[in-house]
Amino acid sequence: QRGADEMRDRVVLGEFGVRNVHTTDFPGNYPGYEDAWDQRRFEETFRVDVIREEEDTLEFDMVGIDAAIANAFRRILLAEVPTMAVEKVFVYNNTSIVQDEILAHRLGLIPIRADPRLFEYRNQGDQEGTEIDTLQFQLKIKCKRNPQAAKESSDPDELYFNHKVYSKHMTWVPLGNQTDLFPDADFRPVHDDILIALLRPGQEIDVLMHCVKGIGKDHAKFSPVATASYRLLPDITLLQPIEDEAAETLQKCFSPGVIEIQNINGKKVARVANARLDTFSREVFRHEGLKNLVRLARVRNHYIFSVESTGILPPDVLVSEAIKILMGKCQRFLNELDSVPME
């Protein structure tokens, strides 16, 4: 019984491999367990706990789902949640040493603070952008000498004006009736201090950019996240009391904060304080005396997600958008099933 529970709920990390990795929650796999999928039971066991929410990072637990679903969320976050990014660059003048196509590529990768939900996708053949599907930015800058600079100075910051081209120099140029559509909009790059190019006196850059809506599948510049990943919740069990020197060795085998040492009747006794912090370096398997006293495992249906946004949309919005996209996929699949005539 206990062995079956372990196989169903835990992925066990051994010294030379990982056991019970494959999904086993289907009916009839384990005698005596009702493993058929049941919506009521799923609703009772499934939960989402937000652990840490900061400006651009979100860590949350999703408990009670299968790896396939967890991975679907991860991949939708990476490749299918849309954003706005520079797609076309019209170069009117570029006498800097950065070639036109390199400049265009660099501009494409700058995250633009614009809510993609306000825009439509641009149609395939459209050459001209309209106010509903395009944002226009201008970058016009020329480098000059500073006449007030000290004669013996060699610092470019002192000698020249505008010799560093930053993302803050990109200005929004409203198209059509965008000023009325977005009266309080502040379309601009997420970060002001992204270095685009370096100039010297007499060199200038004059470009116009068109931002369009797209998804990470088509080009990585549209991906709304810097990273989106998940890991299974660590589960560390001490199989027998570990004391004194052994306890201290054990503590060093794990990440800080995982094992704490308590003083019980004058003895130092190890206990697991917070398994979640562990990275599973498996260091404990290098110690002959300890490796059989500890069981390392991961909880099969407890996923710890971390989502780090590029700053275009907050991570909690990204996650809810990803859920909507997955719901849309399911609905489309159901509609397909309904529309296929049964033989």
Foldseek 3Di string as FASTA:
>chain_A
DVVVVCLQWWFFDAPPGIPNPDHQQDPPSDPPDGRHDDVVVQVVFWDKAWDDFDFFKTKIKTFRDAPVVVVLLQVCLQWPDKAKFWDDKAWPFFPFPQDPVLLSVLRRLFGKQDPQVQADFDDDPDPDDAQRFKWKKKAKDAKAFDPPADPPDPDCVRGMPPQWGWQLRIGTDHGDVVCVVCVPDDIGGLDGGHTRGGHDHPGITIMMTIMGMDTVVVPSSGNFFPHKDKDFAKDKDFQDKDWDPRQVVVCVQWDPPQWDWDQDPNITTIDGGGSRPTPPPVSQVVDPVRSVRMIIIGTRRMMIIMTGGPRNDHVVVSSVSSVVVVVVVVVVVVVVVVPDDDD
